[in-house]
């Protein structure tokens, strides 16, 4: 490409940018040469918000998982250290009177 062609393309690009919509204008405006110009800041901030929300939910789930594991460890320890009941004659464990 020669210098004249590069200069012409830069002028065309400058005109296209000047015709582009300002932030807050219609998001799907088209320039005279058919170039699609979009304002992605809303979509980007929405995606960032969703990622932040997902990250927070993952942190809460990991916290809940750790709390559940601690609770399970504690309950197993209680079950292992409690004295065992003597086994009956094979009857049921309810020992209901008169049954």
C-alpha atoms as a PDB file:
ATOM      1  CA  UNK A   1       0.000   0.000   0.000  1.00  0.00           C
ATOM      2  CA  UNK A   2       1.298   3.429  -0.827  1.00  0.00           C
ATOM      3  CA  UNK A   3       1.086   6.562   1.270  1.00  0.00           C
ATOM      4  CA  UNK A   4      -1.879   8.002  -0.642  1.00  0.00           C
ATOM      5  CA  UNK A   5      -3.976   4.848  -0.089  1.00  0.00           C
ATOM      6  CA  UNK A   6      -3.161   4.793   3.626  1.00  0.00           C
ATOM      7  CA  UNK A   7      -4.043   8.479   3.916  1.00  0.00           C
ATOM      8  CA  UNK A   8      -7.371   7.919   2.128  1.00  0.00           C
ATOM      9  CA  UNK A   9      -8.217   4.979   4.418  1.00  0.00           C
ATOM     10  CA  UNK A  10      -7.385   7.077   7.488  1.00  0.00           C
ATOM     11  CA  UNK A  11      -9.653   9.880   6.233  1.00  0.00           C
ATOM     12  CA  UNK A  12     -12.453   7.368   5.589  1.00  0.00           C
ATOM     13  CA  UNK A  13     -11.967   5.895   9.059  1.00  0.00           C
ATOM     14  CA  UNK A  14     -12.039   9.353  10.614  1.00  0.00           C
ATOM     15  CA  UNK A  15     -15.314  10.142   8.821  1.00  0.00           C
ATOM     16  CA  UNK A  16     -16.821   6.833   9.932  1.00  0.00           C
ATOM     17  CA  UNK A  17     -15.858   7.519  13.544  1.00  0.00           C
ATOM     18  CA  UNK A  18     -17.344  11.004  13.390  1.00  0.00           C
ATOM     19  CA  UNK A  19     -20.613   9.549  12.056  1.00  0.00           C
ATOM     20  CA  UNK A  20     -20.740   6.884  14.774  1.00  0.00           C
ATOM     21  CA  UNK A  21     -23.403   7.341  17.450  1.00  0.00           C
ATOM     22  CA  UNK A  22     -22.450   8.892  20.736  1.00  0.00           C
ATOM     23  CA  UNK A  23     -22.642   6.782  23.879  1.00  0.00           C
ATOM     24  CA  UNK A  24     -26.256   6.458  24.954  1.00  0.00           C
ATOM     25  CA  UNK A  25     -27.603   6.780  21.414  1.00  0.00           C
ATOM     26  CA  UNK A  26     -29.166   3.905  19.485  1.00  0.00           C
ATOM     27  CA  UNK A  27     -26.971   0.849  19.883  1.00  0.00           C
ATOM     28  CA  UNK A  28     -27.419  -0.476  16.384  1.00  0.00           C
ATOM     29  CA  UNK A  29     -26.608   2.493  14.192  1.00  0.00           C
ATOM     30  CA  UNK A  30     -24.993   1.948  10.832  1.00  0.00           C
ATOM     31  CA  UNK A  31     -22.534   4.300   9.187  1.00  0.00           C
ATOM     32  CA  UNK A  32     -22.804   5.349   5.551  1.00  0.00           C
ATOM     33  CA  UNK A  33     -20.502   2.577   4.350  1.00  0.00           C
ATOM     34  CA  UNK A  34     -22.520  -0.179   6.051  1.00  0.00           C
ATOM     35  CA  UNK A  35     -20.269  -0.606   9.074  1.00  0.00           C
ATOM     36  CA  UNK A  36     -22.120  -1.852  12.137  1.00  0.00           C
ATOM     37  CA  UNK A  37     -21.353   0.206  15.219  1.00  0.00           C
ATOM     38  CA  UNK A  38     -22.488  -1.109  18.568  1.00  0.00           C
ATOM     39  CA  UNK A  39     -22.226   0.156  22.107  1.00  0.00           C
ATOM     40  CA  UNK A  40     -21.042  -2.891  24.048  1.00  0.00           C
ATOM     41  CA  UNK A  41     -20.560  -1.142  27.377  1.00  0.00           C
ATOM     42  CA  UNK A  42     -23.994  -2.221  28.633  1.00  0.00           C
ATOM     43  CA  UNK A  43     -23.414  -5.835  27.633  1.00  0.00           C
ATOM     44  CA  UNK A  44     -19.916  -5.756  29.104  1.00  0.00           C
ATOM     45  CA  UNK A  45     -21.091  -4.346  32.428  1.00  0.00           C
ATOM     46  CA  UNK A  46     -23.953  -6.839  32.498  1.00  0.00           C
ATOM     47  CA  UNK A  47     -21.533  -9.709  31.870  1.00  0.00           C
ATOM     48  CA  UNK A  48     -19.193  -8.389  34.565  1.00  0.00           C
ATOM     49  CA  UNK A  49     -22.106  -8.156  37.001  1.00  0.00           C
ATOM     50  CA  UNK A  50     -23.111 -11.742  36.228  1.00  0.00           C
ATOM     51  CA  UNK A  51     -19.526 -12.938  36.743  1.00  0.00           C
ATOM     52  CA  UNK A  52     -19.328 -11.115  40.074  1.00  0.00           C
ATOM     53  CA  UNK A  53     -22.643 -12.664  41.142  1.00  0.00           C
ATOM     54  CA  UNK A  54     -21.457 -16.126  40.066  1.00  0.00           C
ATOM     55  CA  UNK A  55     -18.211 -15.656  41.967  1.00  0.00           C
ATOM     56  CA  UNK A  56     -20.102 -14.655  45.104  1.00  0.00           C
ATOM     57  CA  UNK A  57     -22.443 -17.644  44.804  1.00  0.00           C
ATOM     58  CA  UNK A  58     -19.466 -19.986  44.414  1.00  0.00           C
ATOM     59  CA  UNK A  59     -17.888 -18.512  47.557  1.00  0.00           C
ATOM     60  CA  UNK A  60     -21.116 -19.090  49.495  1.00  0.00           C
ATOM     61  CA  UNK A  61     -21.364 -22.665  48.193  1.00  0.00           C
ATOM     62  CA  UNK A  62     -17.758 -23.392  49.186  1.00  0.00           C
ATOM     63  CA  UNK A  63     -18.393 -21.934  52.639  1.00  0.00           C
ATOM     64  CA  UNK A  64     -21.522 -24.069  53.007  1.00  0.00           C
ATOM     65  CA  UNK A  65     -19.642 -27.165  51.832  1.00  0.00           C
ATOM     66  CA  UNK A  66     -16.878 -26.612  54.387  1.00  0.00           C
ATOM     67  CA  UNK A  67     -19.429 -26.023  57.160  1.00  0.00           C
ATOM     68  CA  UNK A  68     -21.237 -29.240  56.198  1.00  0.00           C
ATOM     69  CA  UNK A  69     -17.964 -31.182  56.231  1.00  0.00           C
ATOM     70  CA  UNK A  70     -17.074 -29.813  59.675  1.00  0.00           C
ATOM     71  CA  UNK A  71     -20.531 -30.689  60.962  1.00  0.00           C
ATOM     72  CA  UNK A  72     -20.310 -34.226  59.532  1.00  0.00           C
ATOM     73  CA  UNK A  73     -16.875 -34.720  61.105  1.00  0.00           C
ATOM     74  CA  UNK A  74     -18.210 -33.535  64.465  1.00  0.00           C
ATOM     75  CA  UNK A  75     -21.294 -35.778  64.313  1.00  0.00           C
ATOM     76  CA  UNK A  76     -19.208 -38.818  63.310  1.00  0.00           C
ATOM     77  CA  UNK A  77     -16.894 -38.152  66.214  1.00  0.00           C
ATOM     78  CA  UNK A  78     -19.882 -38.047  68.575  1.00  0.00           C
ATOM     79  CA  UNK A  79     -21.188 -41.341  67.149  1.00  0.00           C
ATOM     80  CA  UNK A  80     -17.785 -43.018  67.486  1.00  0.00           C
ATOM     81  CA  UNK A  81     -17.189 -41.901  71.079  1.00  0.00           C
ATOM     82  CA  UNK A  82     -20.613 -42.601  72.549  1.00  0.00           C
ATOM     83  CA  UNK A  83     -21.043 -45.844  74.496  1.00  0.00           C
ATOM     84  CA  UNK A  84     -22.718 -48.614  72.578  1.00  0.00           C
ATOM     85  CA  UNK A  85     -25.954 -50.162  73.817  1.00  0.00           C
ATOM     86  CA  UNK A  86     -25.900 -53.857  74.577  1.00  0.00           C
ATOM     87  CA  UNK A  87     -27.626 -55.944  71.924  1.00  0.00           C
ATOM     88  CA  UNK A  88     -31.021 -57.405  72.795  1.00  0.00           C
ATOM     89  CA  UNK A  89     -32.302 -60.882  71.913  1.00  0.00           C
ATOM     90  CA  UNK A  90     -32.853 -59.867  68.348  1.00  0.00           C
ATOM     91  CA  UNK A  91     -36.064 -58.020  69.179  1.00  0.00           C
ATOM     92  CA  UNK A  92     -36.746 -54.716  67.615  1.00  0.00           C
ATOM     93  CA  UNK A  93     -35.090 -51.623  69.050  1.00  0.00           C
ATOM     94  CA  UNK A  94     -38.321 -50.006  70.186  1.00  0.00           C
ATOM     95  CA  UNK A  95     -38.872 -52.083  73.379  1.00  0.00           C
ATOM     96  CA  UNK A  96     -42.511 -51.081  73.610  1.00  0.00           C
ATOM     97  CA  UNK A  97     -44.336 -52.428  76.696  1.00  0.00           C
ATOM     98  CA  UNK A  98     -47.194 -54.812  76.002  1.00  0.00           C
ATOM     99  CA  UNK A  99     -46.359 -55.391  72.386  1.00  0.00           C
END
